[in-house]
PDB file of N, CA and C in Angstrom:
ATOM      1  N   MET A   1     160.411 229.250  96.390  1.00  0.00           N
ATOM      2  CA  MET A   1     159.433 229.671  95.373  1.00  0.00           C
ATOM      3  C   MET A   1     160.153 229.683  94.024  1.00  0.00           C
ATOM      4  N   THR A   2     159.530 229.135  93.016  1.00  0.00           N
ATOM      5  CA  THR A   2     160.144 229.122  91.696  1.00  0.00           C
ATOM      6  C   THR A   2     159.947 230.465  91.007  1.00  0.00           C
ATOM      7  N   ALA A   3     160.757 230.704  89.989  1.00  0.00           N
ATOM      8  CA  ALA A   3     160.660 231.966  89.257  1.00  0.00           C
ATOM      9  C   ALA A   3     159.298 232.106  88.683  1.00  0.00           C
ATOM     10  N   ILE A   4     158.727 231.045  88.138  1.00  0.00           N
ATOM     11  CA  ILE A   4     157.404 231.165  87.500  1.00  0.00           C
ATOM     12  C   ILE A   4     156.369 231.507  88.559  1.00  0.00           C
ATOM     13  N   SER A   5     156.516 231.012  89.783  1.00  0.00           N
ATOM     14  CA  SER A   5     155.588 231.368  90.834  1.00  0.00           C
ATOM     15  C   SER A   5     155.653 232.862  91.137  1.00  0.00           C
ATOM     16  N   GLU A   6     156.886 233.384  91.194  1.00  0.00           N
ATOM     17  CA  GLU A   6     157.043 234.810  91.396  1.00  0.00           C
ATOM     18  C   GLU A   6     156.442 235.610  90.264  1.00  0.00           C
ATOM     19  N   LEU A   7     156.658 235.133  89.042  1.00  0.00           N
ATOM     20  CA  LEU A   7     156.098 235.821  87.865  1.00  0.00           C
ATOM     21  C   LEU A   7     154.583 235.770  87.892  1.00  0.00           C
ATOM     22  N   GLU A   8     154.005 234.610  88.248  1.00  0.00           N
ATOM     23  CA  GLU A   8     152.568 234.507  88.310  1.00  0.00           C
ATOM     24  C   GLU A   8     151.948 235.449  89.335  1.00  0.00           C
ATOM     25  N   GLN A   9     152.623 235.564  90.487  1.00  0.00           N
ATOM     26  CA  GLN A   9     152.115 236.434  91.547  1.00  0.00           C
ATOM     27  C   GLN A   9     152.099 237.869  91.106  1.00  0.00           C
ATOM     28  N   ARG A  10     153.044 238.289  90.280  1.00  0.00           N
ATOM     29  CA  ARG A  10     153.168 239.681  89.879  1.00  0.00           C
ATOM     30  C   ARG A  10     152.654 239.921  88.487  1.00  0.00           C
ATOM     31  N   SER A  11     152.185 238.914  87.818  1.00  0.00           N
ATOM     32  CA  SER A  11     151.826 239.011  86.418  1.00  0.00           C
ATOM     33  C   SER A  11     150.357 239.314  86.188  1.00  0.00           C
ATOM     34  N   THR A  12     150.093 240.006  85.130  1.00  0.00           N
ATOM     35  CA  THR A  12     148.737 240.195  84.682  1.00  0.00           C
ATOM     36  C   THR A  12     148.399 239.216  83.548  1.00  0.00           C
ATOM     37  N   LEU A  13     149.422 238.444  83.147  1.00  0.00           N
ATOM     38  CA  LEU A  13     149.211 237.437  82.086  1.00  0.00           C
ATOM     39  C   LEU A  13     148.594 236.180  82.687  1.00  0.00           C
ATOM     40  N   PRO A  14     147.732 235.534  81.931  1.00  0.00           N
ATOM     41  CA  PRO A  14     147.179 234.233  82.408  1.00  0.00           C
ATOM     42  C   PRO A  14     148.284 233.167  82.264  1.00  0.00           C
ATOM     43  N   PRO A  15     148.210 232.073  83.060  1.00  0.00           N
ATOM     44  CA  PRO A  15     149.233 231.054  82.993  1.00  0.00           C
ATOM     45  C   PRO A  15     149.551 230.547  81.583  1.00  0.00           C
ATOM     46  N   PRO A  16     148.595 230.340  80.649  1.00  0.00           N
ATOM     47  CA  PRO A  16     148.989 229.903  79.307  1.00  0.00           C
ATOM     48  C   PRO A  16     149.935 230.860  78.586  1.00  0.00           C
ATOM     49  N   ALA A  17     149.780 232.160  78.852  1.00  0.00           N
ATOM     50  CA  ALA A  17     150.677 233.133  78.240  1.00  0.00           C
ATOM     51  C   ALA A  17     152.057 233.006  78.823  1.00  0.00           C
ATOM     52  N   LEU A  18     152.131 232.704  80.093  1.00  0.00           N
ATOM     53  CA  LEU A  18     153.477 232.501  80.735  1.00  0.00           C
ATOM     54  C   LEU A  18     154.124 231.267  80.136  1.00  0.00           C
ATOM     55  N   LYS A  19     153.339 230.208  79.854  1.00  0.00           N
ATOM     56  CA  LYS A  19     153.890 228.976  79.289  1.00  0.00           C
ATOM     57  C   LYS A  19     154.525 229.232  77.957  1.00  0.00           C
ATOM     58  N   THR A  20     153.925 230.078  77.139  1.00  0.00           N
ATOM     59  CA  THR A  20     154.481 230.332  75.804  1.00  0.00           C
ATOM     60  C   THR A  20     155.502 231.454  75.779  1.00  0.00           C
ATOM     61  N   LEU A  21     155.675 232.063  76.896  1.00  0.00           N
ATOM     62  CA  LEU A  21     156.558 233.221  76.994  1.00  0.00           C
ATOM     63  C   LEU A  21     157.999 232.865  76.567  1.00  0.00           C
ATOM     64  N   GLY A  22     158.441 231.658  76.891  1.00  0.00           N
ATOM     65  CA  GLY A  22     159.796 231.252  76.578  1.00  0.00           C
ATOM     66  C   GLY A  22     160.121 231.330  75.084  1.00  0.00           C
ATOM     67  N   ARG A  23     159.185 231.127  74.235  1.00  0.00           N
ATOM     68  CA  ARG A  23     159.416 231.138  72.799  1.00  0.00           C
ATOM     69  C   ARG A  23     159.691 232.541  72.269  1.00  0.00           C
ATOM     70  N   ARG A  24     159.227 233.554  73.001  1.00  0.00           N
ATOM     71  CA  ARG A  24     159.371 234.921  72.532  1.00  0.00           C
ATOM     72  C   ARG A  24     159.963 235.848  73.591  1.00  0.00           C
ATOM     73  N   TRP A  25     160.680 235.259  74.483  1.00  0.00           N
ATOM     74  CA  TRP A  25     161.139 235.948  75.679  1.00  0.00           C
ATOM     75  C   TRP A  25     162.592 236.330  75.542  1.00  0.00           C
ATOM     76  N   GLY A  26     162.886 237.388  74.790  1.00  0.00           N
ATOM     77  CA  GLY A  26     164.281 237.780  74.614  1.00  0.00           C
ATOM     78  C   GLY A  26     164.420 239.299  74.669  1.00  0.00           C
ATOM     79  N   GLY A  27     165.654 239.728  74.842  1.00  0.00           N
ATOM     80  CA  GLY A  27     166.002 241.147  74.758  1.00  0.00           C
ATOM     81  C   GLY A  27     165.131 242.049  75.584  1.00  0.00           C
ATOM     82  N   LYS A  28     164.623 243.112  74.926  1.00  0.00           N
ATOM     83  CA  LYS A  28     163.821 244.167  75.581  1.00  0.00           C
ATOM     84  C   LYS A  28     162.550 243.588  76.161  1.00  0.00           C
ATOM     85  N   ALA A  29     161.924 242.631  75.474  1.00  0.00           N
ATOM     86  CA  ALA A  29     160.672 242.065  75.966  1.00  0.00           C
ATOM     87  C   ALA A  29     160.872 241.428  77.337  1.00  0.00           C
ATOM     88  N   ARG A  30     161.951 240.659  77.487  1.00  0.00           N
ATOM     89  CA  ARG A  30     162.255 240.015  78.771  1.00  0.00           C
ATOM     90  C   ARG A  30     162.539 241.072  79.825  1.00  0.00           C
ATOM     91  N   GLN A  31     163.357 242.064  79.498  1.00  0.00           N
ATOM     92  CA  GLN A  31     163.719 243.114  80.451  1.00  0.00           C
ATOM     93  C   GLN A  31     162.474 243.833  80.916  1.00  0.00           C
ATOM     94  N   ASN A  32     161.620 244.235  79.998  1.00  0.00           N
ATOM     95  CA  ASN A  32     160.400 244.971  80.351  1.00  0.00           C
ATOM     96  C   ASN A  32     159.476 244.114  81.211  1.00  0.00           C
ATOM     97  N   PHE A  33     159.330 242.834  80.835  1.00  0.00           N
ATOM     98  CA  PHE A  33     158.453 241.913  81.575  1.00  0.00           C
ATOM     99  C   PHE A  33     158.933 241.814  83.009  1.00  0.00           C
ATOM    100  N   LEU A  34     160.237 241.584  83.208  1.00  0.00           N
ATOM    101  CA  LEU A  34     160.768 241.450  84.571  1.00  0.00           C
ATOM    102  C   LEU A  34     160.655 242.761  85.353  1.00  0.00           C
ATOM    103  N   ARG A  35     160.973 243.882  84.681  1.00  0.00           N
ATOM    104  CA  ARG A  35     160.943 245.190  85.348  1.00  0.00           C
ATOM    105  C   ARG A  35     159.531 245.483  85.839  1.00  0.00           C
ATOM    106  N   ARG A  36     158.503 245.259  84.988  1.00  0.00           N
ATOM    107  CA  ARG A  36     157.136 245.543  85.380  1.00  0.00           C
ATOM    108  C   ARG A  36     156.664 244.685  86.542  1.00  0.00           C
ATOM    109  N   ARG A  37     157.308 243.577  86.796  1.00  0.00           N
ATOM    110  CA  ARG A  37     156.915 242.689  87.895  1.00  0.00           C
ATOM    111  C   ARG A  37     157.832 242.767  89.080  1.00  0.00           C
ATOM    112  N   GLY A  38     158.693 243.791  89.108  1.00  0.00           N
ATOM    113  CA  GLY A  38     159.559 243.988  90.255  1.00  0.00           C
ATOM    114  C   GLY A  38     160.730 243.005  90.301  1.00  0.00           C
ATOM    115  N   LEU A  39     161.061 242.392  89.188  1.00  0.00           N
ATOM    116  CA  LEU A  39     162.183 241.448  89.125  1.00  0.00           C
ATOM    117  C   LEU A  39     163.274 241.948  88.202  1.00  0.00           C
ATOM    118  N   ALA A  40     163.401 243.286  88.093  1.00  0.00           N
ATOM    119  CA  ALA A  40     164.362 243.874  87.170  1.00  0.00           C
ATOM    120  C   ALA A  40     165.809 243.499  87.430  1.00  0.00           C
ATOM    121  N   ASP A  41     166.118 243.237  88.683  1.00  0.00           N
ATOM    122  CA  ASP A  41     167.481 242.901  89.019  1.00  0.00           C
ATOM    123  C   ASP A  41     167.806 241.419  88.771  1.00  0.00           C
ATOM    124  N   THR A  42     166.833 240.650  88.347  1.00  0.00           N
ATOM    125  CA  THR A  42     167.022 239.261  88.044  1.00  0.00           C
ATOM    126  C   THR A  42     167.762 239.116  86.726  1.00  0.00           C
ATOM    127  N   VAL A  43     168.850 238.354  86.713  1.00  0.00           N
ATOM    128  CA  VAL A  43     169.673 238.187  85.524  1.00  0.00           C
ATOM    129  C   VAL A  43     169.502 236.806  84.936  1.00  0.00           C
ATOM    130  N   LEU A  44     169.047 236.736  83.698  1.00  0.00           N
ATOM    131  CA  LEU A  44     168.858 235.459  83.025  1.00  0.00           C
ATOM    132  C   LEU A  44     170.219 234.842  82.766  1.00  0.00           C
ATOM    133  N   GLN A  45     170.376 233.606  83.116  1.00  0.00           N
ATOM    134  CA  GLN A  45     171.664 232.910  82.953  1.00  0.00           C
ATOM    135  C   GLN A  45     171.664 232.018  81.704  1.00  0.00           C
ATOM    136  N   ASN A  46     172.853 231.770  81.214  1.00  0.00           N
ATOM    137  CA  ASN A  46     173.056 230.833  80.091  1.00  0.00           C
ATOM    138  C   ASN A  46     172.279 231.199  78.856  1.00  0.00           C
ATOM    139  N   GLY A  47     172.106 232.489  78.629  1.00  0.00           N
ATOM    140  CA  GLY A  47     171.444 232.962  77.420  1.00  0.00           C
ATOM    141  C   GLY A  47     170.003 232.486  77.275  1.00  0.00           C
ATOM    142  N   GLY A  48     169.419 232.052  78.372  1.00  0.00           N
ATOM    143  CA  GLY A  48     168.013 231.578  78.315  1.00  0.00           C
ATOM    144  C   GLY A  48     167.925 230.100  77.949  1.00  0.00           C
ATOM    145  N   PHE A  49     169.055 229.456  77.756  1.00  0.00           N
ATOM    146  CA  PHE A  49     169.034 228.039  77.484  1.00  0.00           C
ATOM    147  C   PHE A  49     168.899 227.260  78.797  1.00  0.00           C
ATOM    148  N   CYS A  50     168.437 226.030  78.688  1.00  0.00           N
ATOM    149  CA  CYS A  50     168.229 225.161  79.843  1.00  0.00           C
ATOM    150  C   CYS A  50     169.529 224.990  80.626  1.00  0.00           C
ATOM    151  N   THR A  51     169.535 225.387  81.892  1.00  0.00           N
ATOM    152  CA  THR A  51     170.749 225.293  82.694  1.00  0.00           C
ATOM    153  C   THR A  51     171.247 223.866  82.849  1.00  0.00           C
ATOM    154  N   PHE A  52     170.348 222.923  82.977  1.00  0.00           N
ATOM    155  CA  PHE A  52     170.767 221.533  83.104  1.00  0.00           C
ATOM    156  C   PHE A  52     171.453 221.062  81.818  1.00  0.00           C
ATOM    157  N   GLY A  53     170.906 221.452  80.668  1.00  0.00           N
ATOM    158  CA  GLY A  53     171.510 221.119  79.392  1.00  0.00           C
ATOM    159  C   GLY A  53     172.907 221.726  79.271  1.00  0.00           C
ATOM    160  N   VAL A  54     173.025 222.983  79.634  1.00  0.00           N
ATOM    161  CA  VAL A  54     174.331 223.663  79.583  1.00  0.00           C
ATOM    162  C   VAL A  54     175.310 222.979  80.521  1.00  0.00           C
ATOM    163  N   SER A  55     174.868 222.468  81.624  1.00  0.00           N
ATOM    164  CA  SER A  55     175.758 221.739  82.571  1.00  0.00           C
ATOM    165  C   SER A  55     176.284 220.483  81.909  1.00  0.00           C
ATOM    166  N   LYS A  56     175.587 219.955  80.902  1.00  0.00           N
ATOM    167  CA  LYS A  56     175.999 218.769  80.145  1.00  0.00           C
ATOM    168  C   LYS A  56     176.708 219.131  78.835  1.00  0.00           C
ATOM    169  N   GLY A  57     176.880 220.434  78.607  1.00  0.00           N
ATOM    170  CA  GLY A  57     177.553 220.857  77.383  1.00  0.00           C
ATOM    171  C   GLY A  57     176.612 220.965  76.173  1.00  0.00           C
ATOM    172  N   LYS A  58     175.323 221.073  76.416  1.00  0.00           N
ATOM    173  CA  LYS A  58     174.286 221.132  75.349  1.00  0.00           C
ATOM    174  C   LYS A  58     173.483 222.407  75.489  1.00  0.00           C
ATOM    175  N   LYS A  59     172.781 222.729  74.402  1.00  0.00           N
ATOM    176  CA  LYS A  59     171.861 223.881  74.398  1.00  0.00           C
ATOM    177  C   LYS A  59     170.458 223.434  74.050  1.00  0.00           C
ATOM    178  N   PHE A  60     169.548 223.549  75.004  1.00  0.00           N
ATOM    179  CA  PHE A  60     168.127 223.256  74.799  1.00  0.00           C
ATOM    180  C   PHE A  60     167.361 224.531  75.210  1.00  0.00           C
ATOM    181  N   ASP A  61     166.292 224.833  74.538  1.00  0.00           N
ATOM    182  CA  ASP A  61     165.475 225.995  74.883  1.00  0.00           C
ATOM    183  C   ASP A  61     165.027 225.901  76.339  1.00  0.00           C
ATOM    184  N   GLY A  62     165.168 226.983  77.076  1.00  0.00           N
ATOM    185  CA  GLY A  62     164.630 227.054  78.418  1.00  0.00           C
ATOM    186  C   GLY A  62     163.204 227.531  78.404  1.00  0.00           C
ATOM    187  N   ASP A  63     162.407 227.095  79.349  1.00  0.00           N
ATOM    188  CA  ASP A  63     161.019 227.491  79.447  1.00  0.00           C
ATOM    189  C   ASP A  63     160.824 228.160  80.787  1.00  0.00           C
ATOM    190  N   PRO A  64     160.414 229.447  80.827  1.00  0.00           N
ATOM    191  CA  PRO A  64     160.273 230.135  82.124  1.00  0.00           C
ATOM    192  C   PRO A  64     159.231 229.520  83.051  1.00  0.00           C
ATOM    193  N   GLN A  65     158.414 228.606  82.507  1.00  0.00           N
ATOM    194  CA  GLN A  65     157.467 227.918  83.391  1.00  0.00           C
ATOM    195  C   GLN A  65     158.263 226.992  84.361  1.00  0.00           C
ATOM    196  N   TYR A  66     159.423 226.529  83.918  1.00  0.00           N
ATOM    197  CA  TYR A  66     160.261 225.670  84.709  1.00  0.00           C
ATOM    198  C   TYR A  66     161.549 226.433  85.022  1.00  0.00           C
ATOM    199  N   ALA A  67     161.534 227.164  86.111  1.00  0.00           N
ATOM    200  CA  ALA A  67     162.655 228.084  86.390  1.00  0.00           C
ATOM    201  C   ALA A  67     162.841 228.235  87.892  1.00  0.00           C
ATOM    202  N   GLU A  68     164.003 228.745  88.224  1.00  0.00           N
ATOM    203  CA  GLU A  68     164.301 229.043  89.623  1.00  0.00           C
ATOM    204  C   GLU A  68     165.200 230.264  89.687  1.00  0.00           C
ATOM    205  N   ILE A  69     164.965 231.093  90.670  1.00  0.00           N
ATOM    206  CA  ILE A  69     165.836 232.237  90.897  1.00  0.00           C
ATOM    207  C   ILE A  69     166.718 231.925  92.091  1.00  0.00           C
ATOM    208  N   VAL A  70     168.018 231.987  91.849  1.00  0.00           N
ATOM    209  CA  VAL A  70     169.024 231.739  92.882  1.00  0.00           C
ATOM    210  C   VAL A  70     169.951 232.946  92.941  1.00  0.00           C
ATOM    211  N   GLU A  71     169.938 233.626  94.082  1.00  0.00           N
ATOM    212  CA  GLU A  71     170.798 234.788  94.296  1.00  0.00           C
ATOM    213  C   GLU A  71     170.675 235.814  93.161  1.00  0.00           C
ATOM    214  N   GLY A  72     169.455 236.107  92.787  1.00  0.00           N
ATOM    215  CA  GLY A  72     169.188 237.127  91.777  1.00  0.00           C
ATOM    216  C   GLY A  72     169.443 236.667  90.336  1.00  0.00           C
ATOM    217  N   ARG A  73     169.696 235.385  90.144  1.00  0.00           N
ATOM    218  CA  ARG A  73     169.948 234.831  88.813  1.00  0.00           C
ATOM    219  C   ARG A  73     168.817 233.870  88.460  1.00  0.00           C
ATOM    220  N   LEU A  74     168.294 234.066  87.234  1.00  0.00           N
ATOM    221  CA  LEU A  74     167.201 233.253  86.734  1.00  0.00           C
ATOM    222  C   LEU A  74     167.715 232.107  85.916  1.00  0.00           C
ATOM    223  N   TYR A  75     167.463 230.896  86.373  1.00  0.00           N
ATOM    224  CA  TYR A  75     167.864 229.696  85.686  1.00  0.00           C
ATOM    225  C   TYR A  75     166.561 229.060  85.127  1.00  0.00           C
ATOM    226  N   VAL A  76     166.587 228.793  83.821  1.00  0.00           N
ATOM    227  CA  VAL A  76     165.422 228.184  83.183  1.00  0.00           C
ATOM    228  C   VAL A  76     165.751 226.768  82.741  1.00  0.00           C
ATOM    229  N   PHE A  77     164.706 225.928  82.597  1.00  0.00           N
ATOM    230  CA  PHE A  77     164.914 224.518  82.306  1.00  0.00           C
ATOM    231  C   PHE A  77     163.944 224.080  81.181  1.00  0.00           C
ATOM    232  N   LEU A  78     164.268 222.972  80.579  1.00  0.00           N
ATOM    233  CA  LEU A  78     163.547 222.438  79.442  1.00  0.00           C
ATOM    234  C   LEU A  78     162.111 222.050  79.804  1.00  0.00           C
ATOM    235  N   ASN A  79     161.967 221.342  80.918  1.00  0.00           N
ATOM    236  CA  ASN A  79     160.642 220.864  81.345  1.00  0.00           C
ATOM    237  C   ASN A  79     160.684 220.497  82.831  1.00  0.00           C
ATOM    238  N   GLU A  80     159.591 219.976  83.331  1.00  0.00           N
ATOM    239  CA  GLU A  80     159.499 219.677  84.755  1.00  0.00           C
ATOM    240  C   GLU A  80     160.440 218.577  85.149  1.00  0.00           C
ATOM    241  N   GLU A  81     160.584 217.562  84.338  1.00  0.00           N
ATOM    242  CA  GLU A  81     161.508 216.463  84.643  1.00  0.00           C
ATOM    243  C   GLU A  81     162.942 216.932  84.779  1.00  0.00           C
ATOM    244  N   VAL A  82     163.350 217.815  83.891  1.00  0.00           N
ATOM    245  CA  VAL A  82     164.721 218.343  83.928  1.00  0.00           C
ATOM    246  C   VAL A  82     164.871 219.232  85.151  1.00  0.00           C
ATOM    247  N   LEU A  83     163.872 220.057  85.470  1.00  0.00           N
ATOM    248  CA  LEU A  83     163.910 220.864  86.677  1.00  0.00           C
ATOM    249  C   LEU A  83     164.114 219.985  87.909  1.00  0.00           C
ATOM    250  N   ARG A  84     163.400 218.872  87.994  1.00  0.00           N
ATOM    251  CA  ARG A  84     163.553 217.984  89.121  1.00  0.00           C
ATOM    252  C   ARG A  84     164.979 217.408  89.203  1.00  0.00           C
ATOM    253  N   ALA A  85     165.540 217.049  88.055  1.00  0.00           N
ATOM    254  CA  ALA A  85     166.909 216.536  88.023  1.00  0.00           C
ATOM    255  C   ALA A  85     167.861 217.578  88.555  1.00  0.00           C
ATOM    256  N   TYR A  86     167.690 218.842  88.146  1.00  0.00           N
ATOM    257  CA  TYR A  86     168.505 219.942  88.635  1.00  0.00           C
ATOM    258  C   TYR A  86     168.398 220.088  90.134  1.00  0.00           C
ATOM    259  N   GLN A  87     167.191 219.941  90.662  1.00  0.00           N
ATOM    260  CA  GLN A  87     166.918 220.145  92.106  1.00  0.00           C
ATOM    261  C   GLN A  87     167.643 219.099  92.964  1.00  0.00           C
ATOM    262  N   GLU A  88     168.072 217.990  92.377  1.00  0.00           N
ATOM    263  CA  GLU A  88     168.834 216.997  93.116  1.00  0.00           C
ATOM    264  C   GLU A  88     170.251 217.438  93.409  1.00  0.00           C
ATOM    265  N   ASP A  89     170.780 218.357  92.582  1.00  0.00           N
ATOM    266  CA  ASP A  89     172.137 218.874  92.787  1.00  0.00           C
ATOM    267  C   ASP A  89     172.225 220.289  92.242  1.00  0.00           C
ATOM    268  N   ARG A  90     171.524 221.213  92.897  1.00  0.00           N
ATOM    269  CA  ARG A  90     171.471 222.605  92.414  1.00  0.00           C
ATOM    270  C   ARG A  90     172.860 223.202  92.253  1.00  0.00           C
ATOM    271  N   ALA A  91     173.622 223.178  93.331  1.00  0.00           N
ATOM    272  CA  ALA A  91     174.936 223.835  93.296  1.00  0.00           C
ATOM    273  C   ALA A  91     175.845 223.217  92.231  1.00  0.00           C
ATOM    274  N   GLY A  92     175.870 221.911  92.146  1.00  0.00           N
ATOM    275  CA  GLY A  92     176.719 221.241  91.165  1.00  0.00           C
ATOM    276  C   GLY A  92     176.299 221.553  89.731  1.00  0.00           C
ATOM    277  N   THR A  93     175.001 221.570  89.501  1.00  0.00           N
ATOM    278  CA  THR A  93     174.511 221.861  88.141  1.00  0.00           C
ATOM    279  C   THR A  93     174.838 223.296  87.749  1.00  0.00           C
ATOM    280  N   ILE A  94     174.627 224.216  88.666  1.00  0.00           N
ATOM    281  CA  ILE A  94     174.939 225.632  88.375  1.00  0.00           C
ATOM    282  C   ILE A  94     176.427 225.802  88.116  1.00  0.00           C
ATOM    283  N   ALA A  95     177.253 225.153  88.944  1.00  0.00           N
ATOM    284  CA  ALA A  95     178.712 225.261  88.752  1.00  0.00           C
ATOM    285  C   ALA A  95     179.167 224.692  87.435  1.00  0.00           C
ATOM    286  N   ARG A  96     178.649 223.523  87.051  1.00  0.00           N
ATOM    287  CA  ARG A  96     179.029 222.907  85.761  1.00  0.00           C
ATOM    288  C   ARG A  96     178.535 223.768  84.616  1.00  0.00           C
ATOM    289  N   ALA A  97     177.329 224.356  84.724  1.00  0.00           N
ATOM    290  CA  ALA A  97     176.823 225.194  83.651  1.00  0.00           C
ATOM    291  C   ALA A  97     177.693 226.437  83.519  1.00  0.00           C
ATOM    292  N   ALA A  98     178.083 227.029  84.647  1.00  0.00           N
ATOM    293  CA  ALA A  98     178.932 228.223  84.617  1.00  0.00           C
ATOM    294  C   ALA A  98     180.304 227.915  83.976  1.00  0.00           C
ATOM    295  N   GLU A  99     180.784 226.727  84.216  1.00  0.00           N
ATOM    296  CA  GLU A  99     182.051 226.296  83.641  1.00  0.00           C
ATOM    297  C   GLU A  99     181.905 226.050  82.110  1.00  0.00           C
ATOM    298  N   ASN A 100     180.823 225.459  81.692  1.00  0.00           N
ATOM    299  CA  ASN A 100     180.603 225.114  80.291  1.00  0.00           C
ATOM    300  C   ASN A 100     180.194 226.289  79.434  1.00  0.00           C
ATOM    301  N   TRP A 101     179.462 227.243  80.004  1.00  0.00           N
ATOM    302  CA  TRP A 101     178.852 228.326  79.213  1.00  0.00           C
ATOM    303  C   TRP A 101     179.840 229.097  78.336  1.00  0.00           C
ATOM    304  N   PRO A 102     180.972 229.510  78.862  1.00  0.00           N
ATOM    305  CA  PRO A 102     181.926 230.254  77.996  1.00  0.00           C
ATOM    306  C   PRO A 102     182.354 229.460  76.747  1.00  0.00           C
ATOM    307  N   ARG A 103     182.457 228.141  76.890  1.00  0.00           N
ATOM    308  CA  ARG A 103     182.890 227.304  75.810  1.00  0.00           C
ATOM    309  C   ARG A 103     181.791 227.082  74.755  1.00  0.00           C
ATOM    310  N   ILE A 104     180.548 227.044  75.162  1.00  0.00           N
ATOM    311  CA  ILE A 104     179.484 226.734  74.224  1.00  0.00           C
ATOM    312  C   ILE A 104     178.637 227.942  73.838  1.00  0.00           C
ATOM    313  N   GLN A 105     178.861 229.044  74.484  1.00  0.00           N
ATOM    314  CA  GLN A 105     178.029 230.254  74.331  1.00  0.00           C
ATOM    315  C   GLN A 105     177.774 230.619  72.875  1.00  0.00           C
ATOM    316  N   HIS A 106     178.811 230.606  72.046  1.00  0.00           N
ATOM    317  CA  HIS A 106     178.690 231.046  70.680  1.00  0.00           C
ATOM    318  C   HIS A 106     178.531 229.899  69.690  1.00  0.00           C
ATOM    319  N   ALA A 107     178.427 228.668  70.164  1.00  0.00           N
ATOM    320  CA  ALA A 107     178.251 227.500  69.300  1.00  0.00           C
ATOM    321  C   ALA A 107     176.795 227.291  68.979  1.00  0.00           C
ATOM    322  N   ALA A 108     176.504 226.859  67.794  1.00  0.00           N
ATOM    323  CA  ALA A 108     175.146 226.502  67.407  1.00  0.00           C
ATOM    324  C   ALA A 108     174.706 225.252  68.167  1.00  0.00           C
ATOM    325  N   ALA A 109     173.486 225.204  68.576  1.00  0.00           N
ATOM    326  CA  ALA A 109     173.000 224.046  69.348  1.00  0.00           C
ATOM    327  C   ALA A 109     173.219 222.726  68.625  1.00  0.00           C
ATOM    328  N   ALA A 110     173.047 222.755  67.291  1.00  0.00           N
ATOM    329  CA  ALA A 110     173.191 221.558  66.496  1.00  0.00           C
ATOM    330  C   ALA A 110     174.648 221.020  66.482  1.00  0.00           C
ATOM    331  N   GLU A 111     175.583 221.920  66.777  1.00  0.00           N
ATOM    332  CA  GLU A 111     177.020 221.534  66.764  1.00  0.00           C
ATOM    333  C   GLU A 111     177.417 220.843  68.070  1.00  0.00           C
ATOM    334  N   LEU A 112     176.587 220.906  69.081  1.00  0.00           N
ATOM    335  CA  LEU A 112     176.971 220.366  70.398  1.00  0.00           C
ATOM    336  C   LEU A 112     176.494 218.948  70.595  1.00  0.00           C
TER     337      LEU A 112
END
């Protein structure tokens, strides 16, 4: 089950609101949203940037419509095509993103 499916099952928001959630989904708003839906222990990875992009050393906005929860960690992706690419090598993508994140975490997206 994808993260968005879990969110939809527990959400009172209509699907279009979930689609736009990524644009305003930070800090307290994200924490409250997850807590109200029983996903409070879920930890957003890579600062909310697309995990596949981070695995390539880039920063692209993540969209919670295209997401997956793995071992209590929420990984978001740019779009459906990128999510599918990630699904071909989940473990490798997550490992490369974890390796790259400390290096790019504080860099501006335009600099990468």
